[in-house]
Protein backbone atom coordinates (compact mmCIF):
# COMPACT_ATOMS: atom_id res chain seq x y z
CA MET A 1 -124.40 -60.23 -70.01
CA ASN A 2 -121.59 -57.77 -69.36
CA LEU A 3 -121.37 -55.23 -66.57
CA THR A 4 -120.22 -51.88 -67.88
CA LEU A 5 -118.62 -49.05 -65.96
CA ALA A 6 -121.81 -47.01 -66.29
CA GLN A 7 -123.73 -49.78 -64.53
CA LEU A 8 -121.04 -50.56 -61.97
CA ALA A 9 -120.50 -47.00 -60.68
CA PRO A 10 -124.01 -46.53 -59.18
CA ILE A 11 -123.89 -49.96 -57.58
CA VAL A 12 -120.54 -49.28 -55.93
CA CYS A 13 -121.63 -45.83 -54.78
CA SER A 14 -124.87 -47.18 -53.29
CA VAL A 15 -123.03 -49.86 -51.35
CA ALA A 16 -120.46 -47.38 -50.07
CA VAL A 17 -123.08 -44.82 -48.98
CA GLY A 18 -125.12 -47.56 -47.28
CA ALA A 19 -122.08 -48.72 -45.32
CA VAL A 20 -121.29 -45.16 -44.26
CA MET A 21 -124.89 -44.56 -43.15
CA ILE A 22 -124.89 -47.69 -41.00
CA ARG A 23 -121.50 -46.75 -39.55
CA LEU A 24 -122.68 -43.25 -38.64
CA GLY A 25 -125.97 -44.54 -37.25
CA THR A 26 -124.20 -46.89 -34.86
CA THR A 27 -121.65 -44.22 -33.92
CA TRP A 28 -124.34 -41.67 -33.02
CA ASN A 29 -126.36 -44.35 -31.15
CA VAL A 30 -129.26 -43.95 -33.56
CA LEU A 31 -128.97 -47.62 -34.50
CA ALA A 32 -128.26 -50.32 -31.94
CA ILE A 33 -127.68 -54.02 -32.30
CA ARG A 34 -129.56 -55.56 -29.40
CA ARG A 35 -130.45 -59.07 -28.38
CA PRO A 36 -134.17 -59.78 -28.39
CA ALA A 37 -135.91 -59.52 -25.01
CA ARG A 38 -137.71 -62.84 -25.47
CA CYS A 39 -136.54 -66.30 -26.44
CA ALA A 40 -137.37 -67.20 -30.05
CA ALA A 41 -138.12 -70.83 -29.18
CA CYS A 42 -140.44 -70.55 -26.18
CA GLY A 43 -141.39 -66.85 -25.95
CA VAL A 44 -140.33 -66.49 -22.33
CA GLU A 45 -138.16 -63.54 -21.27
CA ARG A 46 -134.52 -64.24 -22.09
CA ARG A 47 -133.25 -64.17 -18.49
CA ALA A 48 -135.97 -66.60 -17.28
CA CYS A 49 -135.67 -68.99 -20.24
CA ARG A 50 -134.51 -72.53 -19.48
CA CYS A 51 -134.63 -74.01 -22.99
CA ALA A 52 -131.46 -74.94 -24.90
CA ALA A 53 -132.16 -72.56 -27.82
């Protein structure tokens, strides 16, 4: 199976536009990367958690 230029161009454009959208979303504070409020292992709030996870 060969990848032609006609197939490669939409893939490259989609990846580029997706990266730009994520970049703009984080710049405008629409998207935020946050730590979860609760521990994944025990379910207790993160600041009160005593487990090693």
